[in-house]
Amino acid sequence: MGFGVDMAKAREIHKTKIREARTPLLSALDVEFQKAQETSADTSAIVAKKNALRDAPADSEIDSASDADALKAQWKTDILGTSPYS
């Protein structure tokens, strides 16, 4: 008999890590958005990035991860930056 991973708890921890990683990214995008508005520049790319960050904790791959390794592999480095698991 061995110990297992509580996947429900692991998913919640993973979501918390996502929220922690996205906080400074959202702040930086807020500044970028304001600067773009001041110059009447296109803000659609900034808005898309912000939406991707907001949606990250609700990614369906988190719920479908069958083990801890699959959950760690779900980290989207293109959106969230460097994985806290590496």
PDB file of N, CA and C in Angstrom:
ATOM      1  N   MET A   1       0.842  -1.175   0.000  1.00  0.00           N
ATOM      2  CA  MET A   1       0.000   0.000   0.000  1.00  0.00           C
ATOM      3  C   MET A   1       0.890   1.242   0.000  1.00  0.00           C
ATOM      4  N   GLY A   2       0.618   2.180  -0.898  1.00  0.00           N
ATOM      5  CA  GLY A   2       1.427   3.380  -1.004  1.00  0.00           C
ATOM      6  C   GLY A   2       0.584   4.635  -0.841  1.00  0.00           C
ATOM      7  N   PHE A   3       1.257   5.701  -0.942  1.00  0.00           N
ATOM      8  CA  PHE A   3       0.586   6.991  -0.839  1.00  0.00           C
ATOM      9  C   PHE A   3       0.275   7.499  -2.234  1.00  0.00           C
ATOM     10  N   GLY A   4      -0.841   8.164  -2.373  1.00  0.00           N
ATOM     11  CA  GLY A   4      -1.229   8.719  -3.653  1.00  0.00           C
ATOM     12  C   GLY A   4      -1.296  10.234  -3.586  1.00  0.00           C
ATOM     13  N   VAL A   5      -1.560  10.812  -4.718  1.00  0.00           N
ATOM     14  CA  VAL A   5      -1.701  12.264  -4.816  1.00  0.00           C
ATOM     15  C   VAL A   5      -3.183  12.602  -4.801  1.00  0.00           C
ATOM     16  N   ASP A   6      -3.568  13.512  -3.939  1.00  0.00           N
ATOM     17  CA  ASP A   6      -4.942  14.000  -3.913  1.00  0.00           C
ATOM     18  C   ASP A   6      -5.085  14.977  -5.083  1.00  0.00           C
ATOM     19  N   MET A   7      -5.623  14.498  -6.189  1.00  0.00           N
ATOM     20  CA  MET A   7      -5.678  15.312  -7.412  1.00  0.00           C
ATOM     21  C   MET A   7      -6.577  16.535  -7.254  1.00  0.00           C
ATOM     22  N   ALA A   8      -7.619  16.445  -6.451  1.00  0.00           N
ATOM     23  CA  ALA A   8      -8.472  17.619  -6.237  1.00  0.00           C
ATOM     24  C   ALA A   8      -7.664  18.726  -5.563  1.00  0.00           C
ATOM     25  N   LYS A   9      -6.892  18.360  -4.560  1.00  0.00           N
ATOM     26  CA  LYS A   9      -6.052  19.339  -3.863  1.00  0.00           C
ATOM     27  C   LYS A   9      -4.940  19.839  -4.783  1.00  0.00           C
ATOM     28  N   ALA A  10      -4.347  18.939  -5.561  1.00  0.00           N
ATOM     29  CA  ALA A  10      -3.284  19.324  -6.497  1.00  0.00           C
ATOM     30  C   ALA A  10      -3.802  20.312  -7.532  1.00  0.00           C
ATOM     31  N   ARG A  11      -5.020  20.108  -8.005  1.00  0.00           N
ATOM     32  CA  ARG A  11      -5.610  21.040  -8.980  1.00  0.00           C
ATOM     33  C   ARG A  11      -5.786  22.430  -8.367  1.00  0.00           C
ATOM     34  N   GLU A  12      -6.247  22.480  -7.124  1.00  0.00           N
ATOM     35  CA  GLU A  12      -6.434  23.769  -6.456  1.00  0.00           C
ATOM     36  C   GLU A  12      -5.095  24.473  -6.233  1.00  0.00           C
ATOM     37  N   ILE A  13      -4.075  23.729  -5.862  1.00  0.00           N
ATOM     38  CA  ILE A  13      -2.735  24.311  -5.694  1.00  0.00           C
ATOM     39  C   ILE A  13      -2.226  24.844  -7.029  1.00  0.00           C
ATOM     40  N   HIS A  14      -2.444  24.087  -8.079  1.00  0.00           N
ATOM     41  CA  HIS A  14      -2.016  24.497  -9.423  1.00  0.00           C
ATOM     42  C   HIS A  14      -2.718  25.797  -9.835  1.00  0.00           C
ATOM     43  N   LYS A  15      -4.017  25.870  -9.582  1.00  0.00           N
ATOM     44  CA  LYS A  15      -4.772  27.086  -9.916  1.00  0.00           C
ATOM     45  C   LYS A  15      -4.263  28.279  -9.118  1.00  0.00           C
ATOM     46  N   THR A  16      -3.901  28.045  -7.864  1.00  0.00           N
ATOM     47  CA  THR A  16      -3.347  29.117  -7.030  1.00  0.00           C
ATOM     48  C   THR A  16      -2.020  29.607  -7.604  1.00  0.00           C
ATOM     49  N   LYS A  17      -1.186  28.673  -8.053  1.00  0.00           N
ATOM     50  CA  LYS A  17       0.093  29.048  -8.669  1.00  0.00           C
ATOM     51  C   LYS A  17      -0.143  29.875  -9.940  1.00  0.00           C
ATOM     52  N   ILE A  18      -1.149  29.519 -10.714  1.00  0.00           N
ATOM     53  CA  ILE A  18      -1.492  30.283 -11.918  1.00  0.00           C
ATOM     54  C   ILE A  18      -1.901  31.699 -11.525  1.00  0.00           C
ATOM     55  N   ARG A  19      -2.756  31.807 -10.524  1.00  0.00           N
ATOM     56  CA  ARG A  19      -3.209  33.132 -10.084  1.00  0.00           C
ATOM     57  C   ARG A  19      -2.047  33.988  -9.588  1.00  0.00           C
ATOM     58  N   GLU A  20      -1.115  33.362  -8.878  1.00  0.00           N
ATOM     59  CA  GLU A  20       0.055  34.098  -8.390  1.00  0.00           C
ATOM     60  C   GLU A  20       0.946  34.554  -9.546  1.00  0.00           C
ATOM     61  N   ALA A  21       1.095  33.704 -10.551  1.00  0.00           N
ATOM     62  CA  ALA A  21       1.957  34.039 -11.695  1.00  0.00           C
ATOM     63  C   ALA A  21       1.332  35.124 -12.565  1.00  0.00           C
ATOM     64  N   ARG A  22       0.025  35.138 -12.657  1.00  0.00           N
ATOM     65  CA  ARG A  22      -0.614  36.093 -13.570  1.00  0.00           C
ATOM     66  C   ARG A  22      -0.779  37.486 -12.980  1.00  0.00           C
ATOM     67  N   THR A  23      -0.733  37.623 -11.662  1.00  0.00           N
ATOM     68  CA  THR A  23      -0.962  38.927 -11.033  1.00  0.00           C
ATOM     69  C   THR A  23      -0.015  40.009 -11.548  1.00  0.00           C
ATOM     70  N   PRO A  24       1.311  39.800 -11.529  1.00  0.00           N
ATOM     71  CA  PRO A  24       2.185  40.864 -12.051  1.00  0.00           C
ATOM     72  C   PRO A  24       2.053  41.036 -13.564  1.00  0.00           C
ATOM     73  N   LEU A  25       1.703  39.975 -14.259  1.00  0.00           N
ATOM     74  CA  LEU A  25       1.531  40.077 -15.712  1.00  0.00           C
ATOM     75  C   LEU A  25       0.313  40.935 -16.051  1.00  0.00           C
ATOM     76  N   LEU A  26      -0.764  40.748 -15.305  1.00  0.00           N
ATOM     77  CA  LEU A  26      -1.954  41.573 -15.525  1.00  0.00           C
ATOM     78  C   LEU A  26      -1.679  43.038 -15.196  1.00  0.00           C
ATOM     79  N   SER A  27      -0.930  43.285 -14.149  1.00  0.00           N
ATOM     80  CA  SER A  27      -0.575  44.669 -13.788  1.00  0.00           C
ATOM     81  C   SER A  27       0.224  45.338 -14.893  1.00  0.00           C
ATOM     82  N   ALA A  28       1.176  44.611 -15.443  1.00  0.00           N
ATOM     83  CA  ALA A  28       1.989  45.165 -16.529  1.00  0.00           C
ATOM     84  C   ALA A  28       1.130  45.433 -17.767  1.00  0.00           C
ATOM     85  N   LEU A  29       0.188  44.546 -18.030  1.00  0.00           N
ATOM     86  CA  LEU A  29      -0.686  44.748 -19.186  1.00  0.00           C
ATOM     87  C   LEU A  29      -1.644  45.917 -18.965  1.00  0.00           C
ATOM     88  N   ASP A  30      -2.031  46.161 -17.716  1.00  0.00           N
ATOM     89  CA  ASP A  30      -2.870  47.326 -17.422  1.00  0.00           C
ATOM     90  C   ASP A  30      -2.141  48.613 -17.791  1.00  0.00           C
ATOM     91  N   VAL A  31      -0.866  48.691 -17.449  1.00  0.00           N
ATOM     92  CA  VAL A  31      -0.062  49.873 -17.785  1.00  0.00           C
ATOM     93  C   VAL A  31       0.070  49.996 -19.305  1.00  0.00           C
ATOM     94  N   GLU A  32       0.361  48.874 -19.946  1.00  0.00           N
ATOM     95  CA  GLU A  32       0.495  48.864 -21.407  1.00  0.00           C
ATOM     96  C   GLU A  32      -0.813  49.312 -22.074  1.00  0.00           C
ATOM     97  N   PHE A  33      -1.933  48.862 -21.536  1.00  0.00           N
ATOM     98  CA  PHE A  33      -3.248  49.224 -22.071  1.00  0.00           C
ATOM     99  C   PHE A  33      -3.487  50.729 -21.937  1.00  0.00           C
ATOM    100  N   GLN A  34      -3.171  51.270 -20.771  1.00  0.00           N
ATOM    101  CA  GLN A  34      -3.370  52.704 -20.558  1.00  0.00           C
ATOM    102  C   GLN A  34      -2.498  53.538 -21.491  1.00  0.00           C
ATOM    103  N   LYS A  35      -1.253  53.122 -21.674  1.00  0.00           N
ATOM    104  CA  LYS A  35      -0.372  53.835 -22.592  1.00  0.00           C
ATOM    105  C   LYS A  35      -0.907  53.767 -24.021  1.00  0.00           C
ATOM    106  N   ALA A  36      -1.427  52.628 -24.402  1.00  0.00           N
ATOM    107  CA  ALA A  36      -1.976  52.476 -25.752  1.00  0.00           C
ATOM    108  C   ALA A  36      -3.200  53.367 -25.933  1.00  0.00           C
ATOM    109  N   GLN A  37      -4.015  53.458 -24.908  1.00  0.00           N
ATOM    110  CA  GLN A  37      -5.193  54.328 -24.997  1.00  0.00           C
ATOM    111  C   GLN A  37      -4.801  55.792 -25.123  1.00  0.00           C
ATOM    112  N   GLU A  38      -3.760  56.184 -24.429  1.00  0.00           N
ATOM    113  CA  GLU A  38      -3.310  57.579 -24.478  1.00  0.00           C
ATOM    114  C   GLU A  38      -2.861  57.980 -25.873  1.00  0.00           C
ATOM    115  N   THR A  39      -2.354  57.032 -26.629  1.00  0.00           N
ATOM    116  CA  THR A  39      -1.878  57.332 -27.975  1.00  0.00           C
ATOM    117  C   THR A  39      -2.860  56.863 -29.047  1.00  0.00           C
ATOM    118  N   SER A  40      -4.033  56.428 -28.617  1.00  0.00           N
ATOM    119  CA  SER A  40      -5.076  55.922 -29.528  1.00  0.00           C
ATOM    120  C   SER A  40      -4.585  54.727 -30.352  1.00  0.00           C
ATOM    121  N   ALA A  41      -3.685  53.944 -29.782  1.00  0.00           N
ATOM    122  CA  ALA A  41      -3.173  52.748 -30.453  1.00  0.00           C
ATOM    123  C   ALA A  41      -4.179  51.601 -30.305  1.00  0.00           C
ATOM    124  N   ASP A  42      -4.002  50.590 -31.108  1.00  0.00           N
ATOM    125  CA  ASP A  42      -4.865  49.411 -31.064  1.00  0.00           C
ATOM    126  C   ASP A  42      -4.601  48.643 -29.767  1.00  0.00           C
ATOM    127  N   THR A  43      -5.652  48.326 -29.033  1.00  0.00           N
ATOM    128  CA  THR A  43      -5.522  47.621 -27.758  1.00  0.00           C
ATOM    129  C   THR A  43      -5.996  46.169 -27.836  1.00  0.00           C
ATOM    130  N   SER A  44      -6.382  45.697 -28.995  1.00  0.00           N
ATOM    131  CA  SER A  44      -6.972  44.364 -29.106  1.00  0.00           C
ATOM    132  C   SER A  44      -6.005  43.251 -28.692  1.00  0.00           C
ATOM    133  N   ALA A  45      -4.733  43.374 -29.017  1.00  0.00           N
ATOM    134  CA  ALA A  45      -3.760  42.345 -28.630  1.00  0.00           C
ATOM    135  C   ALA A  45      -3.577  42.324 -27.114  1.00  0.00           C
ATOM    136  N   ILE A  46      -3.581  43.483 -26.502  1.00  0.00           N
ATOM    137  CA  ILE A  46      -3.438  43.568 -25.050  1.00  0.00           C
ATOM    138  C   ILE A  46      -4.649  42.939 -24.371  1.00  0.00           C
ATOM    139  N   VAL A  47      -5.818  43.251 -24.876  1.00  0.00           N
ATOM    140  CA  VAL A  47      -7.054  42.690 -24.322  1.00  0.00           C
ATOM    141  C   VAL A  47      -7.061  41.166 -24.462  1.00  0.00           C
ATOM    142  N   ALA A  48      -6.597  40.664 -25.571  1.00  0.00           N
ATOM    143  CA  ALA A  48      -6.537  39.211 -25.780  1.00  0.00           C
ATOM    144  C   ALA A  48      -5.593  38.550 -24.779  1.00  0.00           C
ATOM    145  N   LYS A  49      -4.450  39.181 -24.518  1.00  0.00           N
ATOM    146  CA  LYS A  49      -3.503  38.643 -23.533  1.00  0.00           C
ATOM    147  C   LYS A  49      -4.113  38.641 -22.136  1.00  0.00           C
ATOM    148  N   LYS A  50      -4.791  39.731 -21.788  1.00  0.00           N
ATOM    149  CA  LYS A  50      -5.424  39.811 -20.476  1.00  0.00           C
ATOM    150  C   LYS A  50      -6.507  38.752 -20.320  1.00  0.00           C
ATOM    151  N   ASN A  51      -7.287  38.534 -21.363  1.00  0.00           N
ATOM    152  CA  ASN A  51      -8.333  37.517 -21.307  1.00  0.00           C
ATOM    153  C   ASN A  51      -7.743  36.123 -21.169  1.00  0.00           C
ATOM    154  N   ALA A  52      -6.644  35.856 -21.857  1.00  0.00           N
ATOM    155  CA  ALA A  52      -5.985  34.548 -21.745  1.00  0.00           C
ATOM    156  C   ALA A  52      -5.496  34.328 -20.314  1.00  0.00           C
ATOM    157  N   LEU A  53      -4.959  35.370 -19.697  1.00  0.00           N
ATOM    158  CA  LEU A  53      -4.504  35.248 -18.310  1.00  0.00           C
ATOM    159  C   LEU A  53      -5.670  35.032 -17.360  1.00  0.00           C
ATOM    160  N   ARG A  54      -6.769  35.736 -17.593  1.00  0.00           N
ATOM    161  CA  ARG A  54      -7.947  35.566 -16.737  1.00  0.00           C
ATOM    162  C   ARG A  54      -8.544  34.171 -16.871  1.00  0.00           C
ATOM    163  N   ASP A  55      -8.498  33.622 -18.077  1.00  0.00           N
ATOM    164  CA  ASP A  55      -9.089  32.309 -18.334  1.00  0.00           C
ATOM    165  C   ASP A  55      -8.187  31.146 -17.921  1.00  0.00           C
ATOM    166  N   ALA A  56      -6.929  31.390 -17.657  1.00  0.00           N
ATOM    167  CA  ALA A  56      -5.957  30.323 -17.387  1.00  0.00           C
ATOM    168  C   ALA A  56      -6.364  29.376 -16.252  1.00  0.00           C
ATOM    169  N   PRO A  57      -6.889  29.858 -15.118  1.00  0.00           N
ATOM    170  CA  PRO A  57      -7.248  28.916 -14.056  1.00  0.00           C
ATOM    171  C   PRO A  57      -8.443  28.018 -14.416  1.00  0.00           C
ATOM    172  N   ALA A  58      -9.204  28.397 -15.408  1.00  0.00           N
ATOM    173  CA  ALA A  58     -10.382  27.612 -15.805  1.00  0.00           C
ATOM    174  C   ALA A  58     -10.095  26.679 -16.976  1.00  0.00           C
ATOM    175  N   ASP A  59      -8.828  26.533 -17.355  1.00  0.00           N
ATOM    176  CA  ASP A  59      -8.451  25.680 -18.478  1.00  0.00           C
ATOM    177  C   ASP A  59      -8.953  24.252 -18.244  1.00  0.00           C
ATOM    178  N   SER A  60      -9.606  23.690 -19.225  1.00  0.00           N
ATOM    179  CA  SER A  60     -10.169  22.341 -19.095  1.00  0.00           C
ATOM    180  C   SER A  60      -9.096  21.272 -18.917  1.00  0.00           C
ATOM    181  N   GLU A  61      -7.875  21.539 -19.348  1.00  0.00           N
ATOM    182  CA  GLU A  61      -6.791  20.578 -19.179  1.00  0.00           C
ATOM    183  C   GLU A  61      -6.445  20.368 -17.708  1.00  0.00           C
ATOM    184  N   ILE A  62      -6.740  21.335 -16.865  1.00  0.00           N
ATOM    185  CA  ILE A  62      -6.492  21.182 -15.433  1.00  0.00           C
ATOM    186  C   ILE A  62      -7.405  20.093 -14.879  1.00  0.00           C
ATOM    187  N   ASP A  63      -8.677  20.162 -15.219  1.00  0.00           N
ATOM    188  CA  ASP A  63      -9.631  19.171 -14.724  1.00  0.00           C
ATOM    189  C   ASP A  63      -9.427  17.795 -15.329  1.00  0.00           C
ATOM    190  N   SER A  64      -8.882  17.741 -16.531  1.00  0.00           N
ATOM    191  CA  SER A  64      -8.702  16.444 -17.177  1.00  0.00           C
ATOM    192  C   SER A  64      -7.351  15.796 -16.863  1.00  0.00           C
ATOM    193  N   ALA A  65      -6.477  16.489 -16.140  1.00  0.00           N
ATOM    194  CA  ALA A  65      -5.170  15.913 -15.778  1.00  0.00           C
ATOM    195  C   ALA A  65      -5.386  14.703 -14.878  1.00  0.00           C
ATOM    196  N   SER A  66      -4.793  13.582 -15.263  1.00  0.00           N
ATOM    197  CA  SER A  66      -5.009  12.341 -14.529  1.00  0.00           C
ATOM    198  C   SER A  66      -3.988  12.104 -13.422  1.00  0.00           C
ATOM    199  N   ASP A  67      -2.863  12.801 -13.494  1.00  0.00           N
ATOM    200  CA  ASP A  67      -1.841  12.651 -12.456  1.00  0.00           C
ATOM    201  C   ASP A  67      -1.056  13.955 -12.324  1.00  0.00           C
ATOM    202  N   ALA A  68      -0.164  13.994 -11.341  1.00  0.00           N
ATOM    203  CA  ALA A  68       0.587  15.219 -11.053  1.00  0.00           C
ATOM    204  C   ALA A  68       1.454  15.648 -12.234  1.00  0.00           C
ATOM    205  N   ASP A  69       2.046  14.683 -12.936  1.00  0.00           N
ATOM    206  CA  ASP A  69       2.896  15.032 -14.083  1.00  0.00           C
ATOM    207  C   ASP A  69       2.092  15.684 -15.201  1.00  0.00           C
ATOM    208  N   ALA A  70       0.898  15.176 -15.452  1.00  0.00           N
ATOM    209  CA  ALA A  70       0.029  15.766 -16.478  1.00  0.00           C
ATOM    210  C   ALA A  70      -0.400  17.168 -16.070  1.00  0.00           C
ATOM    211  N   LEU A  71      -0.624  17.362 -14.794  1.00  0.00           N
ATOM    212  CA  LEU A  71      -1.010  18.678 -14.289  1.00  0.00           C
ATOM    213  C   LEU A  71       0.139  19.672 -14.453  1.00  0.00           C
ATOM    214  N   LYS A  72       1.345  19.246 -14.113  1.00  0.00           N
ATOM    215  CA  LYS A  72       2.517  20.117 -14.270  1.00  0.00           C
ATOM    216  C   LYS A  72       2.768  20.451 -15.737  1.00  0.00           C
ATOM    217  N   ALA A  73       2.528  19.493 -16.611  1.00  0.00           N
ATOM    218  CA  ALA A  73       2.747  19.701 -18.045  1.00  0.00           C
ATOM    219  C   ALA A  73       1.730  20.681 -18.640  1.00  0.00           C
ATOM    220  N   GLN A  74       0.651  20.911 -17.952  1.00  0.00           N
ATOM    221  CA  GLN A  74      -0.407  21.796 -18.432  1.00  0.00           C
ATOM    222  C   GLN A  74      -0.007  23.264 -18.360  1.00  0.00           C
ATOM    223  N   TRP A  75       1.018  23.615 -17.599  1.00  0.00           N
ATOM    224  CA  TRP A  75       1.436  25.012 -17.427  1.00  0.00           C
ATOM    225  C   TRP A  75       1.738  25.636 -18.785  1.00  0.00           C
ATOM    226  N   LYS A  76       1.051  26.705 -19.134  1.00  0.00           N
ATOM    227  CA  LYS A  76       1.200  27.380 -20.425  1.00  0.00           C
ATOM    228  C   LYS A  76       2.290  28.453 -20.318  1.00  0.00           C
ATOM    229  N   THR A  77       3.512  28.096 -20.688  1.00  0.00           N
ATOM    230  CA  THR A  77       4.632  29.042 -20.573  1.00  0.00           C
ATOM    231  C   THR A  77       4.476  30.239 -21.498  1.00  0.00           C
ATOM    232  N   ASP A  78       3.778  30.068 -22.610  1.00  0.00           N
ATOM    233  CA  ASP A  78       3.594  31.191 -23.531  1.00  0.00           C
ATOM    234  C   ASP A  78       2.678  32.262 -22.938  1.00  0.00           C
ATOM    235  N   ILE A  79       1.851  31.890 -21.990  1.00  0.00           N
ATOM    236  CA  ILE A  79       0.946  32.841 -21.356  1.00  0.00           C
ATOM    237  C   ILE A  79       1.456  33.246 -19.977  1.00  0.00           C
ATOM    238  N   LEU A  80       1.894  32.253 -19.199  1.00  0.00           N
ATOM    239  CA  LEU A  80       2.222  32.462 -17.790  1.00  0.00           C
ATOM    240  C   LEU A  80       3.706  32.624 -17.494  1.00  0.00           C
ATOM    241  N   GLY A  81       4.543  32.349 -18.467  1.00  0.00           N
ATOM    242  CA  GLY A  81       5.975  32.434 -18.234  1.00  0.00           C
ATOM    243  C   GLY A  81       6.533  31.120 -17.705  1.00  0.00           C
ATOM    244  N   THR A  82       7.684  31.200 -17.089  1.00  0.00           N
ATOM    245  CA  THR A  82       8.404  30.023 -16.612  1.00  0.00           C
ATOM    246  C   THR A  82       7.572  29.236 -15.607  1.00  0.00           C
ATOM    247  N   SER A  83       7.575  27.937 -15.764  1.00  0.00           N
ATOM    248  CA  SER A  83       6.838  27.047 -14.877  1.00  0.00           C
ATOM    249  C   SER A  83       7.472  27.023 -13.488  1.00  0.00           C
ATOM    250  N   PRO A  84       6.660  27.037 -12.440  1.00  0.00           N
ATOM    251  CA  PRO A  84       7.216  26.924 -11.097  1.00  0.00           C
ATOM    252  C   PRO A  84       7.682  25.499 -10.785  1.00  0.00           C
ATOM    253  N   TYR A  85       7.394  24.576 -11.674  1.00  0.00           N
ATOM    254  CA  TYR A  85       7.730  23.169 -11.475  1.00  0.00           C
ATOM    255  C   TYR A  85       9.080  22.794 -12.066  1.00  0.00           C
ATOM    256  N   SER A  86       9.720  23.724 -12.773  1.00  0.00           N
ATOM    257  CA  SER A  86      10.992  23.367 -13.406  1.00  0.00           C
ATOM    258  C   SER A  86      12.180  23.842 -12.601  1.00  0.00           C
TER     259      SER A  86
END
